[in-house]
Every structure is written in structure tokens, then in C-alpha cells.
Amino acid sequence: MAELYPFSNRTAELLRCPPAPGQTHCWLAKVACGLRHLLSPESSFTFLRECCDKFVTHRVVPDGEIEAAVDFAYRGNSTPKPGAVSQSIEWPQASSELINLVLRGTKPLFDHDADTGLAAQDVLPALFHRHEFVCVGPNARSALVRPLPATLADAHLQQFIVPNPMRGRIALNFRGKPSPRCQNNTGQRRHLVIEFDAPTLTKPVQALLLSKLAEMVPLVLVVDSGGKSLHGWFRVDHLGLRDQARVFGVGCLLGCDHTRWDICGWLRMPGGLRVADGAPSIRQKIVHYAYR
């Protein structure tokens, strides 16, 4: 498969190794970014659809998940706004030396195992303005875009949220298809969310890394995903795009998931409900809240 096109070595290696469970969204985004200089968005979607059907055996990958990856990668092919940063930027790899240095010299701002007792309805009015559209989802395949007051009615039952306000209820994605959750329907970045998903980075370690990043920009919210990671929400709308990218680049050096740069990517709903097949539902608790 990797020999059909002149892939870069990095993309070819990704294609040789199908994603492990829990890594599919990240794998799709990385491969799509590697294809953007070779294929049109439509051809990239077709290729990734075939890859998923043949090589992703742990679950069925819906079209919407592939479309989101293509949308994420190909936005950089459009005419950029002044100061814009390409979605396909080569983010730095994690530096174990820097991580160890941070761990030795940083005190946590919060208890990684705390529970503030706050619910989704308590924090969303600070994250979004009353008149704004908010995108949430009970699962990764279903996106609901509604004004904030309507969202508050059932926010505690949702698994996912887009951390930035939406422009409207629907827009055309980069395949020219109507989509509620796509780059073209997402407004300016307000929150940059940092997630560490490497198995070697425990939650106490993640708390220290997020605390270090809080020295650069305000850490306003930390959500326990209900799995192995903490999600740190940083308020960044006072920064230009390039400064936002610098902050995220430091996060990458500390081991964060590169795909979290996606302005319309799914994040775990603060205070929402994590639902997994065959397992009890888990509340995605809010462990830190410092919105001003």
C-alpha cells in the first residue's frame, strides 16, 4: 500500500502500522496530513476509507471520522488568513530531557485526583457566551450544534464537545459536504486543549506538565477523561495564532497529542458522561476550575 504513491518515510511508516485501539483518530490525522501534498481531499478520503476497511480491525471507522481527519489536514491548502498557521505543521517530538527537567522543578497547581463537584452546566456559561453556538455529541459520530441555552439542558449527558464556538449550525467542509463539525464552521480559537496520552505519562505527571504550561497561559479547566488522560483547557484568545502555536509547540515537547491543535476536534465534555460498550458509564469529572 505504501508503495503506490511517493509517500514520505514518516507517512509510509504510519501506513505499515495500523493504529492500535484508542489511537485511530490520531493515526488518521497524521496520515491525512502526509497525503495532502499528493492527493486531492476527495482522493485522500477514498484512500483512507480503503485503509480503514482493510487494516483497522478493532472497530468500524465511520465516514465522519475520516472526513474530520481530511478536513483537519487540508484546511492548510486554502488561502490562509494573515498570521495563520498551517494544520500540517511538523510539531516537535517529545523531549524526555525537557520532561524530566519540568518534573524535577514544578509544583502542581491542582490535585490530579480531585473532584470540584462542578457539572457541565456550571462551567459552560464561562467557556461560551450566551448567544454562541456550541457543538456537542453523545458519541463521536453525532454532532449537535445549538445555542448555549439549549446545550445546557442536556450537557451532562454528552460525551464530547468542541472547545471553541461555532459559526452556525452547519457549513461545507473541505470535501464540499454539509457538516456541523468542520473547520469552516468553527470560529476563532478561544481554548487550546492539551492532552497527554502516552502510557508512560501518568495522571500525576500530566498534572505537573499542565502546571508548567500554566506559567505561559492561563489554565482555566482540567477534565479527567474517565480514561488515562487529563485534558487541560488554556485560554488563548488574547494571543495571536503564532503565539498560540508556540504554546502548543511547547506542549508537544512535553509529550502532548499533536492532533489537539485541531480547532474543531472532539474533547471530553467537562462533567459529561463517558459511555463505552459493555462498561459502566463514567462521569468525566472536573478536577480543576479557575475561570475568571
Protein backbone atom coordinates (compact mmCIF):
# COMPACT_ATOMS: atom_id res chain seq x y z
CA MET A 1 0.00 0.00 0.00
CA ALA A 2 2.72 2.48 0.92
CA GLU A 3 4.42 1.95 -2.44
CA LEU A 4 1.51 3.15 -4.57
CA TYR A 5 2.44 6.82 -4.08
CA PRO A 6 5.69 8.68 -3.29
CA PHE A 7 4.94 8.92 0.42
CA SER A 8 7.35 10.48 2.84
CA ASN A 9 9.17 8.00 5.08
CA ARG A 10 7.05 9.10 8.03
CA THR A 11 3.75 8.55 6.19
CA ALA A 12 4.93 5.23 4.79
CA GLU A 13 5.79 4.04 8.29
CA LEU A 14 2.35 5.05 9.55
CA LEU A 15 0.74 3.07 6.74
CA ARG A 16 2.79 -0.01 7.56
CA CYS A 17 1.50 0.00 11.15
CA PRO A 18 -2.30 0.09 11.57
CA PRO A 19 -3.43 2.07 14.62
CA ALA A 20 -3.84 0.44 18.00
CA PRO A 21 -7.17 0.80 19.83
CA GLY A 22 -7.54 4.34 21.08
CA GLN A 23 -5.09 5.77 18.50
CA THR A 24 -7.23 5.71 15.34
CA HIS A 25 -8.17 9.41 15.33
CA CYS A 26 -4.55 10.45 15.77
CA TRP A 27 -3.36 7.99 13.11
CA LEU A 28 -5.94 9.23 10.60
CA ALA A 29 -4.98 12.87 11.13
CA LYS A 30 -1.26 12.14 10.70
CA VAL A 31 -1.77 10.10 7.53
CA ALA A 32 -4.14 12.71 6.06
CA CYS A 33 -1.51 15.41 6.65
CA GLY A 34 1.01 13.21 4.83
CA LEU A 35 -1.33 12.84 1.85
CA ARG A 36 -2.26 16.47 1.36
CA HIS A 37 0.65 17.23 -0.99
CA LEU A 38 -0.09 14.16 -3.13
CA LEU A 39 -3.86 13.74 -3.35
CA SER A 40 -6.97 15.84 -3.55
CA PRO A 41 -9.24 15.83 -0.46
CA GLU A 42 -11.65 13.50 -2.28
CA SER A 43 -8.87 11.05 -3.23
CA SER A 44 -7.45 11.23 0.28
CA PHE A 45 -10.84 10.32 1.75
CA THR A 46 -11.21 7.38 -0.66
CA PHE A 47 -7.71 6.14 0.16
CA LEU A 48 -8.21 6.41 3.92
CA ARG A 49 -11.61 4.73 3.65
CA GLU A 50 -9.95 1.76 1.95
CA CYS A 51 -7.14 1.69 4.54
CA CYS A 52 -9.60 1.64 7.42
CA ASP A 53 -11.76 -1.06 5.86
CA LYS A 54 -8.78 -3.32 5.28
CA PHE A 55 -6.46 -2.67 8.20
CA VAL A 56 -8.40 -1.26 11.18
CA THR A 57 -9.77 -4.41 12.74
CA HIS A 58 -10.62 -3.36 16.30
CA ARG A 59 -13.65 -1.25 15.31
CA VAL A 60 -15.60 0.21 12.41
CA VAL A 61 -14.37 3.68 11.44
CA PRO A 62 -17.31 5.88 10.33
CA ASP A 63 -17.08 8.15 7.29
CA GLY A 64 -17.46 11.18 9.54
CA GLU A 65 -14.27 10.38 11.43
CA ILE A 66 -12.32 10.12 8.17
CA GLU A 67 -13.90 13.31 6.84
CA ALA A 68 -12.86 15.13 10.03
CA ALA A 69 -9.26 13.99 9.55
CA VAL A 70 -9.26 15.13 5.91
CA ASP A 71 -10.89 18.42 6.88
CA PHE A 72 -8.21 18.94 9.53
CA ALA A 73 -5.32 18.21 7.15
CA TYR A 74 -6.49 20.04 4.04
CA ARG A 75 -7.52 23.31 5.60
CA GLY A 76 -3.94 24.45 5.12
CA ASN A 77 -4.38 24.14 1.33
CA SER A 78 -6.81 27.05 1.27
CA THR A 79 -5.68 30.67 1.17
CA PRO A 80 -4.51 31.34 4.72
CA LYS A 81 -5.62 34.29 6.81
CA PRO A 82 -2.91 36.73 7.88
CA GLY A 83 -0.84 35.12 10.62
CA ALA A 84 -2.45 31.72 10.09
CA VAL A 85 -0.60 28.55 10.95
CA SER A 86 -0.92 25.52 8.67
CA GLN A 87 -2.73 22.50 10.09
CA SER A 88 0.01 20.25 8.71
CA ILE A 89 2.86 21.88 10.62
CA GLU A 90 5.53 19.43 11.77
CA TRP A 91 5.19 19.69 15.52
CA PRO A 92 8.24 18.79 17.61
CA GLN A 93 8.51 15.35 19.16
CA ALA A 94 8.50 14.86 22.92
CA SER A 95 11.78 15.58 24.70
CA SER A 96 12.41 13.21 27.62
CA GLU A 97 15.16 15.54 28.84
CA LEU A 98 12.78 18.51 29.00
CA ILE A 99 10.03 16.42 30.59
CA ASN A 100 12.37 15.24 33.33
CA LEU A 101 13.57 18.79 33.93
CA VAL A 102 9.99 20.01 34.29
CA LEU A 103 9.08 17.17 36.64
CA ARG A 104 12.00 17.99 38.92
CA GLY A 105 11.25 21.69 39.17
CA THR A 106 7.46 22.10 39.06
CA LYS A 107 4.83 22.02 41.79
CA PRO A 108 1.30 21.00 40.81
CA LEU A 109 -1.38 23.70 40.75
CA PHE A 110 -4.10 21.15 41.43
CA ASP A 111 -4.70 17.65 42.72
CA HIS A 112 -4.96 15.30 39.74
CA ASP A 113 -7.46 13.13 41.64
CA ALA A 114 -9.65 15.95 42.96
CA ASP A 115 -13.32 16.43 42.15
CA THR A 116 -14.58 20.00 42.20
CA GLY A 117 -18.15 18.72 42.16
CA LEU A 118 -18.93 21.06 39.28
CA ALA A 119 -21.20 19.93 36.46
CA ALA A 120 -21.21 20.81 32.77
CA GLN A 121 -23.99 23.34 33.36
CA ASP A 122 -21.78 25.11 35.90
CA VAL A 123 -18.79 25.73 33.64
CA LEU A 124 -20.11 26.04 30.08
CA PRO A 125 -21.53 29.56 30.65
CA ALA A 126 -17.96 30.70 31.40
CA LEU A 127 -16.48 28.87 28.40
CA PHE A 128 -19.04 30.19 25.90
CA HIS A 129 -21.16 33.35 25.57
CA ARG A 130 -24.92 33.04 25.77
CA HIS A 131 -25.50 33.92 22.11
CA GLU A 132 -22.87 31.49 20.75
CA PHE A 133 -23.37 28.14 19.07
CA VAL A 134 -21.83 25.15 20.86
CA CYS A 135 -21.05 21.78 19.26
CA VAL A 136 -21.52 18.69 21.44
CA GLY A 137 -22.02 14.99 20.81
CA PRO A 138 -23.35 11.93 22.65
CA ASN A 139 -20.84 9.94 20.58
CA ALA A 140 -18.08 10.66 18.06
CA ARG A 141 -20.44 10.23 15.10
CA SER A 142 -23.19 12.64 16.16
CA ALA A 143 -22.61 16.39 16.28
CA LEU A 144 -25.26 18.72 17.69
CA VAL A 145 -24.78 22.45 17.13
CA ARG A 146 -27.12 24.58 19.22
CA PRO A 147 -27.14 27.90 21.09
CA LEU A 148 -25.66 27.71 24.58
CA PRO A 149 -29.01 27.77 26.46
CA ALA A 150 -30.26 24.72 24.53
CA THR A 151 -26.94 22.96 25.05
CA LEU A 152 -27.11 23.42 28.82
CA ALA A 153 -30.31 21.37 29.03
CA ASP A 154 -28.55 18.05 28.37
CA ALA A 155 -24.83 18.88 28.53
CA HIS A 156 -24.30 16.46 31.44
CA LEU A 157 -25.37 13.57 29.18
CA GLN A 158 -22.95 14.38 26.35
CA GLN A 159 -19.56 12.71 25.88
CA PHE A 160 -17.90 15.25 23.60
CA ILE A 161 -17.60 18.96 22.97
CA VAL A 162 -15.73 21.26 20.58
CA PRO A 163 -13.77 23.67 22.81
CA ASN A 164 -14.36 26.67 20.57
CA PRO A 165 -17.58 28.41 19.45
CA MET A 166 -19.15 27.51 16.11
CA ARG A 167 -20.09 29.99 13.40
CA GLY A 168 -23.51 28.48 12.77
CA ARG A 169 -25.44 25.24 12.64
CA ILE A 170 -23.75 23.86 9.51
CA ALA A 171 -21.14 24.66 6.83
CA LEU A 172 -19.40 23.00 3.90
CA ASN A 173 -16.31 21.02 4.80
CA PHE A 174 -13.28 20.74 2.52
CA ARG A 175 -14.92 17.92 0.57
CA GLY A 176 -17.77 20.30 -0.20
CA LYS A 177 -20.22 18.37 2.00
CA PRO A 178 -22.51 19.95 4.62
CA SER A 179 -21.15 19.28 8.09
CA PRO A 180 -21.99 20.72 11.51
CA ARG A 181 -18.49 19.99 12.89
CA CYS A 182 -15.82 21.13 10.46
CA GLN A 183 -13.07 23.72 10.17
CA ASN A 184 -15.23 26.06 8.10
CA ASN A 185 -17.93 26.10 10.76
CA THR A 186 -15.61 26.83 13.69
CA GLY A 187 -14.93 30.36 14.91
CA GLN A 188 -11.75 31.81 16.32
CA ARG A 189 -9.78 29.71 18.77
CA ARG A 190 -10.62 30.56 22.36
CA HIS A 191 -9.26 27.50 24.12
CA LEU A 192 -6.20 25.40 23.41
CA VAL A 193 -6.60 21.95 24.94
CA ILE A 194 -3.55 19.91 25.88
CA GLU A 195 -3.89 16.14 26.32
CA PHE A 196 -1.13 13.69 27.19
CA ASP A 197 -1.99 10.16 26.10
CA ALA A 198 1.38 8.38 26.29
CA PRO A 199 1.04 5.44 28.70
CA THR A 200 4.29 6.45 30.45
CA LEU A 201 2.80 9.81 31.47
CA THR A 202 0.61 9.07 34.49
CA LYS A 203 -2.04 11.49 35.70
CA PRO A 204 0.21 12.88 38.48
CA VAL A 205 2.87 13.52 35.83
CA GLN A 206 0.31 15.11 33.50
CA ALA A 207 -0.76 17.42 36.32
CA LEU A 208 2.82 18.66 36.67
CA LEU A 209 3.22 19.18 32.91
CA LEU A 210 -0.05 21.12 32.70
CA SER A 211 1.03 23.19 35.71
CA LYS A 212 4.24 24.11 33.91
CA LEU A 213 2.36 25.20 30.78
CA ALA A 214 0.13 27.33 33.04
CA GLU A 215 3.17 29.58 33.54
CA MET A 216 2.78 30.58 29.86
CA VAL A 217 -1.00 30.92 29.51
CA PRO A 218 -3.96 30.69 31.92
CA LEU A 219 -5.04 27.14 32.75
CA VAL A 220 -8.79 27.58 33.25
CA LEU A 221 -10.06 24.00 33.37
CA VAL A 222 -8.82 20.43 33.77
CA VAL A 223 -11.06 17.48 32.94
CA ASP A 224 -10.45 13.86 33.80
CA SER A 225 -11.33 11.99 30.60
CA GLY A 226 -12.51 8.96 32.52
CA GLY A 227 -9.66 7.07 30.89
CA LYS A 228 -5.91 7.52 31.10
CA SER A 229 -5.62 11.24 30.42
CA LEU A 230 -6.30 14.71 31.76
CA HIS A 231 -7.45 17.47 29.41
CA GLY A 232 -6.07 20.91 30.22
CA TRP A 233 -8.04 23.86 28.80
CA PHE A 234 -5.93 27.01 28.31
CA ARG A 235 -7.45 30.40 27.46
CA VAL A 236 -5.53 31.71 24.44
CA ASP A 237 -7.78 34.15 22.57
CA HIS A 238 -5.62 37.03 23.83
CA LEU A 239 -2.72 35.60 21.77
CA GLY A 240 -2.09 35.76 18.04
CA LEU A 241 -2.08 32.48 16.12
CA ARG A 242 1.69 32.21 16.02
CA ASP A 243 1.96 32.66 19.78
CA GLN A 244 -0.77 30.05 20.21
CA ALA A 245 1.32 27.73 18.05
CA ARG A 246 4.40 28.41 20.19
CA VAL A 247 2.49 27.38 23.31
CA PHE A 248 1.26 24.23 21.61
CA GLY A 249 4.78 23.50 20.38
CA VAL A 250 6.00 23.54 23.99
CA GLY A 251 3.14 21.19 24.82
CA CYS A 252 4.37 18.84 22.09
CA LEU A 253 7.87 18.92 23.55
CA LEU A 254 6.27 17.84 26.82
CA GLY A 255 4.52 14.95 25.11
CA CYS A 256 1.04 16.19 24.20
CA ASP A 257 -1.13 14.73 21.44
CA HIS A 258 -0.33 16.65 18.23
CA THR A 259 -3.87 16.32 16.86
CA ARG A 260 -5.25 18.51 19.65
CA TRP A 261 -4.26 21.53 17.55
CA ASP A 262 -7.44 20.81 15.55
CA ILE A 263 -9.71 23.77 16.28
CA CYS A 264 -12.86 21.66 15.89
CA GLY A 265 -11.62 18.38 17.36
CA TRP A 266 -13.71 16.44 19.87
CA LEU A 267 -12.79 16.79 23.55
CA ARG A 268 -14.37 15.12 26.55
CA MET A 269 -17.30 17.15 27.87
CA PRO A 270 -16.43 18.71 31.26
CA GLY A 271 -18.74 16.96 33.69
CA GLY A 272 -20.16 14.85 30.86
CA LEU A 273 -20.72 11.13 30.62
CA ARG A 274 -18.22 8.68 29.14
CA VAL A 275 -20.02 5.70 27.62
CA ALA A 276 -18.24 2.55 26.48
CA ASP A 277 -19.74 -0.66 25.12
CA GLY A 278 -20.11 -3.24 27.85
CA ALA A 279 -18.79 -0.95 30.59
CA PRO A 280 -20.49 1.25 33.19
CA SER A 281 -20.80 4.94 32.34
CA ILE A 282 -18.13 7.17 33.89
CA ARG A 283 -18.53 10.81 34.85
CA GLN A 284 -15.82 12.96 33.24
CA LYS A 285 -15.11 14.91 36.40
CA ILE A 286 -13.77 18.44 36.57
CA VAL A 287 -10.63 18.32 38.70
CA HIS A 288 -9.62 21.99 38.38
CA TYR A 289 -11.53 25.16 37.54
CA ALA A 290 -10.05 28.66 37.57
CA TYR A 291 -12.04 30.69 35.07
CA ARG A 292 -12.10 34.42 35.68
